[in-house]
């Protein structure tokens, strides 16, 4: 159950409007919670409340904005 809710590593796939894969980002283990995220005009916010994250503060919901940079 722990691995299902708080995986060590996971990836986020970026799809175009026809669901073709245009990118994929491997996320750091022990930092993010993939089941807890939301999207705004600024981008994807993902929870950093993983229990193994040393910066986790259990009394707060904390999120980080996922920023992708162009490789060009």
N, C-alpha and C. Protein backbone atom coordinates (compact mmCIF):
# COMPACT_ATOMS: atom_id res chain seq x y z
N UNK A 1 0.83 -1.19 0.00
CA UNK A 1 0.00 0.00 0.00
C UNK A 1 0.87 1.26 0.00
N UNK A 2 1.96 1.22 0.78
CA UNK A 2 2.86 2.37 0.85
C UNK A 2 3.44 2.70 -0.54
N UNK A 3 3.87 1.69 -1.29
CA UNK A 3 4.43 1.93 -2.62
C UNK A 3 3.40 2.44 -3.60
N UNK A 4 2.16 2.06 -3.43
CA UNK A 4 1.11 2.53 -4.33
C UNK A 4 0.81 4.01 -4.08
N UNK A 5 0.72 4.42 -2.83
CA UNK A 5 0.42 5.81 -2.51
C UNK A 5 1.63 6.71 -2.64
N UNK A 6 2.80 6.21 -2.31
CA UNK A 6 4.02 7.02 -2.28
C UNK A 6 5.15 6.28 -3.00
N UNK A 7 5.10 6.20 -4.33
CA UNK A 7 6.13 5.46 -5.06
C UNK A 7 7.49 6.14 -4.95
N UNK A 8 8.53 5.35 -5.07
CA UNK A 8 9.89 5.88 -5.01
C UNK A 8 10.19 6.74 -6.24
N UNK A 9 9.78 6.29 -7.41
CA UNK A 9 9.95 7.04 -8.64
C UNK A 9 8.72 6.86 -9.52
N UNK A 10 8.46 7.85 -10.36
CA UNK A 10 7.38 7.78 -11.33
C UNK A 10 7.69 8.78 -12.42
N UNK A 11 6.97 8.71 -13.51
CA UNK A 11 7.18 9.68 -14.58
C UNK A 11 5.87 10.36 -14.94
N UNK A 12 6.00 11.55 -15.49
CA UNK A 12 4.85 12.30 -15.97
C UNK A 12 5.01 12.42 -17.48
N UNK A 13 3.99 11.98 -18.21
CA UNK A 13 4.01 12.04 -19.66
C UNK A 13 3.28 13.29 -20.13
N UNK A 14 3.83 13.94 -21.16
CA UNK A 14 3.21 15.11 -21.77
C UNK A 14 2.66 14.68 -23.11
N UNK A 15 1.37 14.93 -23.30
CA UNK A 15 0.68 14.50 -24.51
C UNK A 15 0.18 15.70 -25.30
N UNK A 16 0.10 15.54 -26.63
CA UNK A 16 -0.50 16.61 -27.44
C UNK A 16 -2.01 16.39 -27.50
N UNK A 17 -2.71 17.21 -28.27
CA UNK A 17 -4.17 17.13 -28.31
C UNK A 17 -4.69 15.86 -28.99
N UNK A 18 -3.81 15.10 -29.64
CA UNK A 18 -4.19 13.81 -30.23
C UNK A 18 -3.67 12.64 -29.40
N UNK A 19 -3.23 12.93 -28.19
CA UNK A 19 -2.72 11.95 -27.23
C UNK A 19 -1.43 11.27 -27.67
N UNK A 20 -0.65 11.95 -28.52
CA UNK A 20 0.68 11.47 -28.86
C UNK A 20 1.64 11.94 -27.77
N UNK A 21 2.58 11.09 -27.41
CA UNK A 21 3.55 11.44 -26.38
C UNK A 21 4.57 12.42 -26.98
N UNK A 22 4.68 13.59 -26.37
CA UNK A 22 5.66 14.58 -26.83
C UNK A 22 6.78 14.78 -25.82
N UNK A 23 6.66 14.17 -24.67
CA UNK A 23 7.71 14.26 -23.67
C UNK A 23 7.38 13.43 -22.45
N UNK A 24 8.41 13.19 -21.67
CA UNK A 24 8.24 12.44 -20.42
C UNK A 24 9.30 12.90 -19.44
N UNK A 25 8.91 13.09 -18.20
CA UNK A 25 9.81 13.56 -17.16
C UNK A 25 9.82 12.58 -16.00
N UNK A 26 10.99 12.08 -15.65
CA UNK A 26 11.14 11.20 -14.50
C UNK A 26 11.22 12.06 -13.25
N UNK A 27 10.36 11.78 -12.29
CA UNK A 27 10.31 12.56 -11.06
C UNK A 27 11.17 11.91 -9.98
N UNK A 28 11.76 12.77 -9.15
CA UNK A 28 12.62 12.31 -8.07
C UNK A 28 11.87 11.39 -7.11
N UNK A 29 12.55 10.37 -6.64
CA UNK A 29 11.95 9.52 -5.63
C UNK A 29 11.93 10.20 -4.28
N UNK A 30 11.01 9.80 -3.45
CA UNK A 30 10.93 10.26 -2.06
C UNK A 30 10.69 11.75 -1.90
N UNK A 31 10.05 12.38 -2.88
CA UNK A 31 9.78 13.81 -2.74
C UNK A 31 8.34 14.16 -3.10
N UNK A 32 7.83 13.62 -4.20
CA UNK A 32 6.53 14.00 -4.72
C UNK A 32 5.46 12.93 -4.47
N UNK A 33 4.21 13.37 -4.43
CA UNK A 33 3.06 12.47 -4.28
C UNK A 33 2.25 12.57 -5.57
N UNK A 34 2.33 11.56 -6.45
CA UNK A 34 1.67 11.67 -7.76
C UNK A 34 0.15 11.64 -7.70
N UNK A 35 -0.43 11.22 -6.59
CA UNK A 35 -1.89 11.17 -6.47
C UNK A 35 -2.49 12.49 -6.03
N UNK A 36 -1.65 13.50 -5.81
CA UNK A 36 -2.13 14.76 -5.27
C UNK A 36 -1.54 15.90 -6.10
N UNK A 37 -2.26 16.32 -7.14
CA UNK A 37 -1.79 17.40 -8.00
C UNK A 37 -2.98 18.13 -8.58
N UNK A 38 -2.71 19.32 -9.10
CA UNK A 38 -3.77 20.09 -9.77
C UNK A 38 -3.12 20.99 -10.84
N UNK A 39 -3.94 21.45 -11.78
CA UNK A 39 -3.47 22.26 -12.89
C UNK A 39 -4.11 23.65 -12.82
N UNK A 40 -3.29 24.68 -13.05
CA UNK A 40 -3.77 26.05 -13.16
C UNK A 40 -3.23 26.61 -14.48
N UNK A 41 -3.50 27.88 -14.73
CA UNK A 41 -2.96 28.52 -15.93
C UNK A 41 -1.43 28.53 -15.92
N UNK A 42 -0.83 28.53 -14.73
CA UNK A 42 0.63 28.56 -14.62
C UNK A 42 1.25 27.20 -14.92
N UNK A 43 0.51 26.12 -14.72
CA UNK A 43 1.04 24.79 -14.97
C UNK A 43 0.57 23.77 -13.96
N UNK A 44 1.33 22.70 -13.87
CA UNK A 44 1.00 21.57 -13.00
C UNK A 44 1.65 21.75 -11.63
N UNK A 45 0.85 21.70 -10.60
CA UNK A 45 1.34 21.73 -9.22
C UNK A 45 1.24 20.32 -8.66
N UNK A 46 2.33 19.85 -8.07
CA UNK A 46 2.38 18.50 -7.53
C UNK A 46 2.79 18.54 -6.06
N UNK A 47 2.15 17.70 -5.28
CA UNK A 47 2.39 17.68 -3.83
C UNK A 47 3.82 17.25 -3.51
N UNK A 48 4.42 17.93 -2.54
CA UNK A 48 5.76 17.57 -2.04
C UNK A 48 5.66 17.00 -0.62
N UNK A 49 4.48 16.48 -0.28
CA UNK A 49 4.25 15.93 1.06
C UNK A 49 4.52 14.43 1.16
N UNK A 50 5.51 13.96 0.41
CA UNK A 50 5.90 12.55 0.50
C UNK A 50 6.45 12.31 1.91
N UNK A 51 6.06 11.22 2.57
CA UNK A 51 6.51 10.99 3.95
C UNK A 51 8.03 10.88 4.09
N UNK A 52 8.74 10.50 3.04
CA UNK A 52 10.20 10.39 3.11
C UNK A 52 10.92 11.68 2.70
N UNK A 53 10.18 12.71 2.33
CA UNK A 53 10.78 14.00 1.97
C UNK A 53 11.23 14.69 3.26
N UNK A 54 12.52 14.99 3.39
CA UNK A 54 13.00 15.62 4.62
C UNK A 54 12.40 17.02 4.85
N UNK A 55 11.90 17.67 3.80
CA UNK A 55 11.28 18.99 3.94
C UNK A 55 9.78 18.92 4.18
N UNK A 56 9.24 17.71 4.28
CA UNK A 56 7.80 17.53 4.49
C UNK A 56 7.38 18.10 5.84
N UNK A 57 6.32 18.90 5.81
CA UNK A 57 5.73 19.43 7.05
C UNK A 57 4.32 18.88 7.10
N UNK A 58 4.08 17.93 7.97
CA UNK A 58 2.83 17.20 8.00
C UNK A 58 1.61 18.06 8.30
N UNK A 59 1.80 19.23 8.87
CA UNK A 59 0.66 20.08 9.20
C UNK A 59 0.32 21.06 8.08
N UNK A 60 0.96 20.94 6.91
CA UNK A 60 0.68 21.80 5.77
C UNK A 60 0.54 20.97 4.50
N UNK A 61 -0.30 21.44 3.58
CA UNK A 61 -0.32 20.89 2.23
C UNK A 61 0.62 21.74 1.40
N UNK A 62 1.67 21.14 0.87
CA UNK A 62 2.67 21.88 0.11
C UNK A 62 2.77 21.34 -1.30
N UNK A 63 2.89 22.25 -2.26
CA UNK A 63 2.95 21.89 -3.68
C UNK A 63 4.11 22.61 -4.34
N UNK A 64 4.63 22.01 -5.41
CA UNK A 64 5.67 22.63 -6.21
C UNK A 64 5.16 22.72 -7.65
N UNK A 65 5.48 23.83 -8.31
CA UNK A 65 5.11 24.00 -9.71
C UNK A 65 6.11 23.26 -10.57
N UNK A 66 5.61 22.36 -11.40
CA UNK A 66 6.48 21.60 -12.31
C UNK A 66 6.78 22.50 -13.50
N UNK A 67 8.07 22.79 -13.70
CA UNK A 67 8.50 23.64 -14.81
C UNK A 67 9.35 22.81 -15.75
N UNK A 68 8.95 22.76 -17.00
CA UNK A 68 9.70 22.02 -18.01
C UNK A 68 10.46 23.02 -18.87
N UNK A 69 11.72 22.71 -19.12
CA UNK A 69 12.53 23.58 -19.95
C UNK A 69 12.78 22.93 -21.30
N UNK A 70 12.82 23.76 -22.32
CA UNK A 70 13.09 23.28 -23.67
C UNK A 70 14.56 22.90 -23.79
N UNK A 71 14.85 21.76 -24.42
CA UNK A 71 16.23 21.30 -24.56
C UNK A 71 16.99 22.04 -25.65
N UNK A 72 16.31 22.85 -26.45
CA UNK A 72 16.97 23.55 -27.57
C UNK A 72 17.91 24.62 -27.11
